[in-house]
C-alpha atoms as a PDB file:
ATOM      1  CA  MET A   1      60.483 107.871 112.123  1.00  0.00           C
ATOM      2  CA  PRO A   2      63.003 105.732 110.954  1.00  0.00           C
ATOM      3  CA  ALA A   3      60.316 102.705 110.270  1.00  0.00           C
ATOM      4  CA  PHE A   4      58.663 105.300 108.279  1.00  0.00           C
ATOM      5  CA  LEU A   5      61.749 106.300 106.123  1.00  0.00           C
ATOM      6  CA  LEU A   6      62.695 102.962 105.434  1.00  0.00           C
ATOM      7  CA  LEU A   7      58.802 101.813 104.306  1.00  0.00           C
ATOM      8  CA  ALA A   8      59.203 105.420 102.114  1.00  0.00           C
ATOM      9  CA  TYR A   9      62.661 104.558 100.902  1.00  0.00           C
ATOM     10  CA  GLY A  10      61.271 100.733 100.115  1.00  0.00           C
ATOM     11  CA  LEU A  11      58.233 102.138  98.323  1.00  0.00           C
ATOM     12  CA  ALA A  12      60.243 104.468  96.286  1.00  0.00           C
ATOM     13  CA  ALA A  13      62.434 101.941  95.070  1.00  0.00           C
ATOM     14  CA  LEU A  14      58.861  99.283  93.924  1.00  0.00           C
ATOM     15  CA  LEU A  15      57.878 102.842  92.467  1.00  0.00           C
ATOM     16  CA  GLY A  16      61.121 103.526  90.507  1.00  0.00           C
ATOM     17  CA  ALA A  17      61.401 100.710  89.071  1.00  0.00           C
ATOM     18  CA  MET A  18      57.768 100.287  87.778  1.00  0.00           C
ATOM     19  CA  THR A  19      59.119 103.588  86.272  1.00  0.00           C
ATOM     20  CA  PRO A  20      60.626 103.051  82.460  1.00  0.00           C
ATOM     21  CA  SER A  21      63.312 104.975  81.735  1.00  0.00           C
ATOM     22  CA  GLY A  22      64.748 104.740  77.741  1.00  0.00           C
ATOM     23  CA  ALA A  23      63.079 104.601  74.714  1.00  0.00           C
ATOM     24  CA  ALA A  24      61.336 101.541  73.842  1.00  0.00           C
ATOM     25  CA  LYS A  25      63.312 100.711  70.913  1.00  0.00           C
ATOM     26  CA  SER A  26      63.221  97.578  68.545  1.00  0.00           C
ATOM     27  CA  ALA A  27      65.459  95.486  68.314  1.00  0.00           C
ATOM     28  CA  THR A  28      67.672  95.967  65.095  1.00  0.00           C
ATOM     29  CA  GLY A  29      68.707  92.183  65.469  1.00  0.00           C
ATOM     30  CA  PRO A  30      68.980  89.147  67.026  1.00  0.00           C
ATOM     31  CA  ARG A  31      69.766  89.531  70.495  1.00  0.00           C
ATOM     32  CA  SER A  32      71.904  86.882  70.807  1.00  0.00           C
ATOM     33  CA  HIS A  33      74.011  88.408  73.432  1.00  0.00           C
ATOM     34  CA  GLN A  34      72.736  87.023  76.846  1.00  0.00           C
ATOM     35  CA  VAL A  35      74.058  88.582  79.999  1.00  0.00           C
ATOM     36  CA  LEU A  36      73.212  87.429  83.321  1.00  0.00           C
ATOM     37  CA  LEU A  37      72.673  89.196  86.452  1.00  0.00           C
ATOM     38  CA  VAL A  38      74.065  87.726  89.794  1.00  0.00           C
ATOM     39  CA  ALA A  39      71.751  88.049  93.327  1.00  0.00           C
ATOM     40  CA  GLY A  40      73.522  88.714  96.370  1.00  0.00           C
ATOM     41  CA  PRO A  41      71.711  89.585  99.624  1.00  0.00           C
ATOM     42  CA  ILE A  42      71.712  93.252  98.886  1.00  0.00           C
ATOM     43  CA  HIS A  43      73.615  93.750  95.547  1.00  0.00           C
ATOM     44  CA  TYR A  44      73.574  92.779  91.823  1.00  0.00           C
ATOM     45  CA  ASP A  45      76.783  91.815  89.557  1.00  0.00           C
ATOM     46  CA  PHE A  46      76.746  91.139  85.799  1.00  0.00           C
ATOM     47  CA  LEU A  47      77.918  88.052  84.560  1.00  0.00           C
ATOM     48  CA  ILE A  48      79.070  88.232  81.076  1.00  0.00           C
ATOM     49  CA  PRO A  49      80.984  85.262  78.751  1.00  0.00           C
ATOM     50  CA  LEU A  50      84.262  85.816  78.048  1.00  0.00           C
ATOM     51  CA  ASP A  51      83.694  85.910  74.156  1.00  0.00           C
ATOM     52  CA  PRO A  52      86.504  87.407  72.364  1.00  0.00           C
ATOM     53  CA  GLN A  53      84.856  90.841  72.143  1.00  0.00           C
ATOM     54  CA  VAL A  54      84.992  91.016  76.041  1.00  0.00           C
ATOM     55  CA  ARG A  55      88.502  89.756  76.203  1.00  0.00           C
ATOM     56  CA  ARG A  56      89.118  92.985  73.730  1.00  0.00           C
ATOM     57  CA  GLN A  57      87.475  95.231  75.815  1.00  0.00           C
ATOM     58  CA  PHE A  58      88.830  94.469  78.963  1.00  0.00           C
ATOM     59  CA  GLY A  59      91.810  93.361  77.915  1.00  0.00           C
ATOM     60  CA  PHE A  60      93.455  96.435  79.758  1.00  0.00           C
ATOM     61  CA  LEU A  61      92.458  93.967  83.130  1.00  0.00           C
ATOM     62  CA  ALA A  62      95.177  91.842  82.128  1.00  0.00           C
ATOM     63  CA  ALA A  63      98.079  93.740  83.747  1.00  0.00           C
ATOM     64  CA  SER A  64      96.672  93.876  86.862  1.00  0.00           C
ATOM     65  CA  GLY A  65      96.636  90.044  87.218  1.00  0.00           C
ATOM     66  CA  LEU A  66      93.531  89.209  85.986  1.00  0.00           C
ATOM     67  CA  ALA A  67      93.288  86.002  83.982  1.00  0.00           C
ATOM     68  CA  ILE A  68      91.372  87.836  81.167  1.00  0.00           C
ATOM     69  CA  THR A  69      93.393  85.946  78.135  1.00  0.00           C
ATOM     70  CA  ASP A  70      93.611  82.623  79.434  1.00  0.00           C
ATOM     71  CA  PRO A  71      91.751  79.993  77.708  1.00  0.00           C
ATOM     72  CA  GLY A  72      90.539  78.701  80.567  1.00  0.00           C
ATOM     73  CA  SER A  73      88.350  81.712  81.723  1.00  0.00           C
ATOM     74  CA  GLU A  74      85.074  81.645  80.496  1.00  0.00           C
ATOM     75  CA  TRP A  75      83.205  84.609  82.591  1.00  0.00           C
ATOM     76  CA  LEU A  76      83.335  87.834  83.473  1.00  0.00           C
ATOM     77  CA  VAL A  77      81.799  89.024  86.829  1.00  0.00           C
ATOM     78  CA  ILE A  78      81.789  92.954  87.459  1.00  0.00           C
ATOM     79  CA  GLY A  79      79.835  95.272  89.983  1.00  0.00           C
ATOM     80  CA  TRP A  80      79.895  98.356  91.508  1.00  0.00           C
ATOM     81  CA  GLY A  81      79.748  99.774  95.102  1.00  0.00           C
ATOM     82  CA  ALA A  82      80.505 101.858  97.828  1.00  0.00           C
ATOM     83  CA  ARG A  83      84.830 101.348  99.075  1.00  0.00           C
ATOM     84  CA  GLU A  84      84.639 100.899 102.462  1.00  0.00           C
ATOM     85  CA  PHE A  85      81.259  98.822 102.677  1.00  0.00           C
ATOM     86  CA  TYR A  86      82.824  96.647  99.854  1.00  0.00           C
ATOM     87  CA  THR A  87      86.113  96.495 100.716  1.00  0.00           C
ATOM     88  CA  THR A  88      85.172  94.556 103.720  1.00  0.00           C
ATOM     89  CA  ILE A  89      86.282  91.072 104.059  1.00  0.00           C
ATOM     90  CA  GLY A  90      83.919  88.132 105.651  1.00  0.00           C
ATOM     91  CA  ASP A  91      80.121  88.562 106.003  1.00  0.00           C
ATOM     92  CA  TYR A  92      78.169  90.919 106.076  1.00  0.00           C
ATOM     93  CA  ARG A  93      77.928  90.790 110.034  1.00  0.00           C
ATOM     94  CA  ASP A  94      81.826  91.854 109.824  1.00  0.00           C
ATOM     95  CA  ILE A  95      80.764  95.116 108.393  1.00  0.00           C
ATOM     96  CA  GLU A  96      81.224  98.566 110.881  1.00  0.00           C
ATOM     97  CA  LEU A  97      78.762 100.534 111.372  1.00  0.00           C
ATOM     98  CA  SER A  98      80.523 103.378 109.858  1.00  0.00           C
ATOM     99  CA  ALA A  99      81.208 101.865 106.848  1.00  0.00           C
ATOM    100  CA  ILE A 100      77.370 101.500 106.764  1.00  0.00           C
ATOM    101  CA  VAL A 101      76.897 105.154 107.430  1.00  0.00           C
ATOM    102  CA  LYS A 102      79.608 106.378 105.294  1.00  0.00           C
ATOM    103  CA  GLY A 103      78.070 104.277 102.120  1.00  0.00           C
ATOM    104  CA  ALA A 104      74.490 105.787 103.176  1.00  0.00           C
ATOM    105  CA  LEU A 105      75.703 109.560 102.783  1.00  0.00           C
ATOM    106  CA  GLY A 106      78.782 108.960 100.382  1.00  0.00           C
ATOM    107  CA  ASP A 107      81.769 107.217  99.891  1.00  0.00           C
ATOM    108  CA  ARG A 108      83.954 106.581  96.910  1.00  0.00           C
ATOM    109  CA  SER A 109      82.648 103.602  94.519  1.00  0.00           C
ATOM    110  CA  VAL A 110      85.103 100.926  93.566  1.00  0.00           C
ATOM    111  CA  LEU A 111      84.220  97.776  90.931  1.00  0.00           C
ATOM    112  CA  ARG A 112      85.004  94.647  91.614  1.00  0.00           C
ATOM    113  CA  VAL A 113      85.894  92.324  88.486  1.00  0.00           C
ATOM    114  CA  ASP A 114      86.598  88.372  88.945  1.00  0.00           C
ATOM    115  CA  VAL A 115      87.047  85.997  86.227  1.00  0.00           C
ATOM    116  CA  LEU A 116      85.976  82.297  86.413  1.00  0.00           C
ATOM    117  CA  GLY A 117      86.108  79.338  84.460  1.00  0.00           C
ATOM    118  CA  ALA A 118      83.188  76.668  83.578  1.00  0.00           C
ATOM    119  CA  LEU A 119      79.854  76.974  85.240  1.00  0.00           C
ATOM    120  CA  PRO A 120      77.075  74.410  85.353  1.00  0.00           C
ATOM    121  CA  PRO A 121      73.826  75.886  83.681  1.00  0.00           C
ATOM    122  CA  LEU A 122      72.195  78.541  85.836  1.00  0.00           C
ATOM    123  CA  PRO A 123      68.600  78.372  84.009  1.00  0.00           C
ATOM    124  CA  ASP A 124      67.018  80.302  86.925  1.00  0.00           C
ATOM    125  CA  MET A 125      69.432  83.509  86.849  1.00  0.00           C
ATOM    126  CA  PRO A 126      68.080  85.895  85.308  1.00  0.00           C
ATOM    127  CA  ARG A 127      69.867  87.574  82.061  1.00  0.00           C
ATOM    128  CA  VAL A 128      69.203  90.373  79.521  1.00  0.00           C
ATOM    129  CA  GLY A 129      69.119  89.788  75.766  1.00  0.00           C
ATOM    130  CA  PHE A 130      71.426  92.506  74.095  1.00  0.00           C
ATOM    131  CA  THR A 131      71.840  93.072  69.857  1.00  0.00           C
ATOM    132  CA  ASP A 132      75.735  93.495  68.479  1.00  0.00           C
ATOM    133  CA  THR A 133      75.465  97.345  68.863  1.00  0.00           C
ATOM    134  CA  GLU A 134      73.168  96.922  72.273  1.00  0.00           C
ATOM    135  CA  PHE A 135      76.280  94.496  73.508  1.00  0.00           C
ATOM    136  CA  ASP A 136      79.133  97.081  72.037  1.00  0.00           C
ATOM    137  CA  ALA A 137      77.364 100.000  74.207  1.00  0.00           C
ATOM    138  CA  LEU A 138      76.691  97.961  77.652  1.00  0.00           C
ATOM    139  CA  LEU A 139      80.876  96.963  77.235  1.00  0.00           C
ATOM    140  CA  SER A 140      81.982 100.415  76.581  1.00  0.00           C
ATOM    141  CA  ALA A 141      79.692 101.717  79.910  1.00  0.00           C
ATOM    142  CA  ILE A 142      81.190  99.333  81.951  1.00  0.00           C
ATOM    143  CA  ALA A 143      84.366  99.922  80.762  1.00  0.00           C
ATOM    144  CA  SER A 144      84.339 103.328  81.052  1.00  0.00           C
ATOM    145  CA  SER A 145      83.185 102.917  84.770  1.00  0.00           C
ATOM    146  CA  PHE A 146      86.715 102.351  85.368  1.00  0.00           C
ATOM    147  CA  GLU A 147      88.512 105.485  86.998  1.00  0.00           C
ATOM    148  CA  ALA A 148      91.970 106.001  85.544  1.00  0.00           C
ATOM    149  CA  GLY A 149      94.897 106.962  87.161  1.00  0.00           C
ATOM    150  CA  PRO A 150      97.945 109.488  86.458  1.00  0.00           C
ATOM    151  CA  ALA A 151      99.515 107.007  83.378  1.00  0.00           C
ATOM    152  CA  GLN A 152      95.787 106.569  82.230  1.00  0.00           C
ATOM    153  CA  GLN A 153      95.444 103.100  83.838  1.00  0.00           C
ATOM    154  CA  VAL A 154      92.921 101.612  85.561  1.00  0.00           C
ATOM    155  CA  GLN A 155      94.006 101.625  89.733  1.00  0.00           C
ATOM    156  CA  ARG A 156      93.884  98.259  91.225  1.00  0.00           C
ATOM    157  CA  LEU A 157      93.551  98.771  94.918  1.00  0.00           C
ATOM    158  CA  PRO A 158      95.245  97.113  97.732  1.00  0.00           C
ATOM    159  CA  HIS A 159      92.760  95.139  99.073  1.00  0.00           C
ATOM    160  CA  SER A 160      92.074  91.627  99.737  1.00  0.00           C
ATOM    161  CA  GLY A 161      89.077  90.406  97.144  1.00  0.00           C
ATOM    162  CA  PHE A 162      86.512  87.992  98.117  1.00  0.00           C
ATOM    163  CA  THR A 163      87.887  84.811  95.956  1.00  0.00           C
ATOM    164  CA  HIS A 164      91.352  83.824  95.343  1.00  0.00           C
ATOM    165  CA  SER A 165      90.865  85.546  91.444  1.00  0.00           C
ATOM    166  CA  ASP A 166      89.005  88.808  91.895  1.00  0.00           C
ATOM    167  CA  ALA A 167      90.085  92.309  92.674  1.00  0.00           C
ATOM    168  CA  PHE A 168      89.053  95.956  93.739  1.00  0.00           C
ATOM    169  CA  PHE A 169      89.867  98.750  91.441  1.00  0.00           C
ATOM    170  CA  ALA A 170      89.112 102.666  91.807  1.00  0.00           C
ATOM    171  CA  ALA A 171      85.968 103.590  90.199  1.00  0.00           C
ATOM    172  CA  LYS A 172      84.127 106.553  88.880  1.00  0.00           C
ATOM    173  CA  GLY A 173      80.949 108.393  90.490  1.00  0.00           C
ATOM    174  CA  ARG A 174      80.124 108.672  94.488  1.00  0.00           C
ATOM    175  CA  PHE A 175      78.354 105.958  96.219  1.00  0.00           C
ATOM    176  CA  HIS A 176      75.258 106.557  98.613  1.00  0.00           C
ATOM    177  CA  LEU A 177      71.851 105.937  99.592  1.00  0.00           C
ATOM    178  CA  PHE A 178      69.772 107.435  96.125  1.00  0.00           C
ATOM    179  CA  ARG A 179      73.129 105.629  94.140  1.00  0.00           C
ATOM    180  CA  THR A 180      73.622 102.491  94.914  1.00  0.00           C
ATOM    181  CA  CYS A 181      75.408  99.116  93.158  1.00  0.00           C
ATOM    182  CA  ASN A 182      71.837  98.471  92.034  1.00  0.00           C
ATOM    183  CA  THR A 183      71.433 101.692  90.347  1.00  0.00           C
ATOM    184  CA  TRP A 184      74.397 101.148  88.739  1.00  0.00           C
ATOM    185  CA  VAL A 185      73.257  98.384  86.798  1.00  0.00           C
ATOM    186  CA  ALA A 186      70.471 100.218  85.925  1.00  0.00           C
ATOM    187  CA  GLN A 187      72.158 102.757  84.555  1.00  0.00           C
ATOM    188  CA  MET A 188      74.386  99.875  82.914  1.00  0.00           C
ATOM    189  CA  VAL A 189      71.472  98.561  81.327  1.00  0.00           C
ATOM    190  CA  ARG A 190      70.143 102.146  79.801  1.00  0.00           C
ATOM    191  CA  ALA A 191      73.541 103.050  78.237  1.00  0.00           C
ATOM    192  CA  SER A 192      73.111 100.055  75.540  1.00  0.00           C
ATOM    193  CA  GLY A 193      69.813 101.267  74.406  1.00  0.00           C
ATOM    194  CA  ARG A 194      67.512  99.172  76.431  1.00  0.00           C
ATOM    195  CA  ARG A 195      64.671 100.019  78.528  1.00  0.00           C
ATOM    196  CA  PHE A 196      64.972  99.759  82.408  1.00  0.00           C
ATOM    197  CA  GLY A 197      63.543 100.844  85.884  1.00  0.00           C
ATOM    198  CA  ALA A 198      63.945 104.629  86.438  1.00  0.00           C
ATOM    199  CA  TRP A 199      65.089 104.069  89.674  1.00  0.00           C
ATOM    200  CA  THR A 200      66.625 100.958  90.842  1.00  0.00           C
ATOM    201  CA  PRO A 201      68.505 100.986  94.329  1.00  0.00           C
ATOM    202  CA  LEU A 202      67.142  98.070  95.917  1.00  0.00           C
ATOM    203  CA  PRO A 203      67.978  93.803  94.585  1.00  0.00           C
ATOM    204  CA  TYR A 204      64.184  93.215  93.986  1.00  0.00           C
ATOM    205  CA  SER A 205      64.071  96.650  91.996  1.00  0.00           C
ATOM    206  CA  VAL A 206      66.241  95.364  89.671  1.00  0.00           C
ATOM    207  CA  ARG A 207      64.524  91.889  89.440  1.00  0.00           C
ATOM    208  CA  LEU A 208      61.121  93.807  88.989  1.00  0.00           C
ATOM    209  CA  ALA A 209      62.564  95.951  86.330  1.00  0.00           C
ATOM    210  CA  GLN A 210      64.207  93.124  84.427  1.00  0.00           C
ATOM    211  CA  ARG A 211      60.846  90.723  84.593  1.00  0.00           C
ATOM    212  CA  LEU A 212      58.759  94.090  83.159  1.00  0.00           C
ATOM    213  CA  TYR A 213      61.351  95.515  80.541  1.00  0.00           C
ATOM    214  CA  LEU A 214      64.064  92.828  79.209  1.00  0.00           C
ATOM    215  CA  SER A 215      61.809  89.827  79.413  1.00  0.00           C
ATOM    216  CA  ASP A 216      62.479  89.284  75.924  1.00  0.00           C
END
């Protein structure tokens, strides 16, 4: 039975990626804003160039110690996930079964944010193009994913990150088997006004939907 359920879930993830969601709109201008999709074994992050607009949009992160305004910073990395699972440090082998079960059944969510300097060319990394209007909507949707604290400020969590420069923040929404880190990526893309797969819980779902709907 577990094998059947895994197969059914994987098939549904394939069909969900192939099912379009969002109106197919013609671009109202050049899609000059290029956002990259960074794949891990089970997870996708956004990799966004730190242009002046992005620095302004996410300037609130500077108070939490992230080098958003540093002239040497060139990229913003951001991804969403289950709090207990995502904040486990080390290899995936270090993650306890309880964190996996909690993530599958329902856990609070976090955003992991990192700021990087110059990177080598990344020609093979999937990317998504956005017009000015679409890019504005994408950034607003991502910024709205942070959960505000009592003083209406983002809440940096006391968890060590994966690098010397990243941080975890409380996020809106609950993570579960049907609302994963990869469905959040799809939600953000659709919030920009671009069409994407209706349900993309797995990494290959995101990659397939990107190829089907976002290969300009």
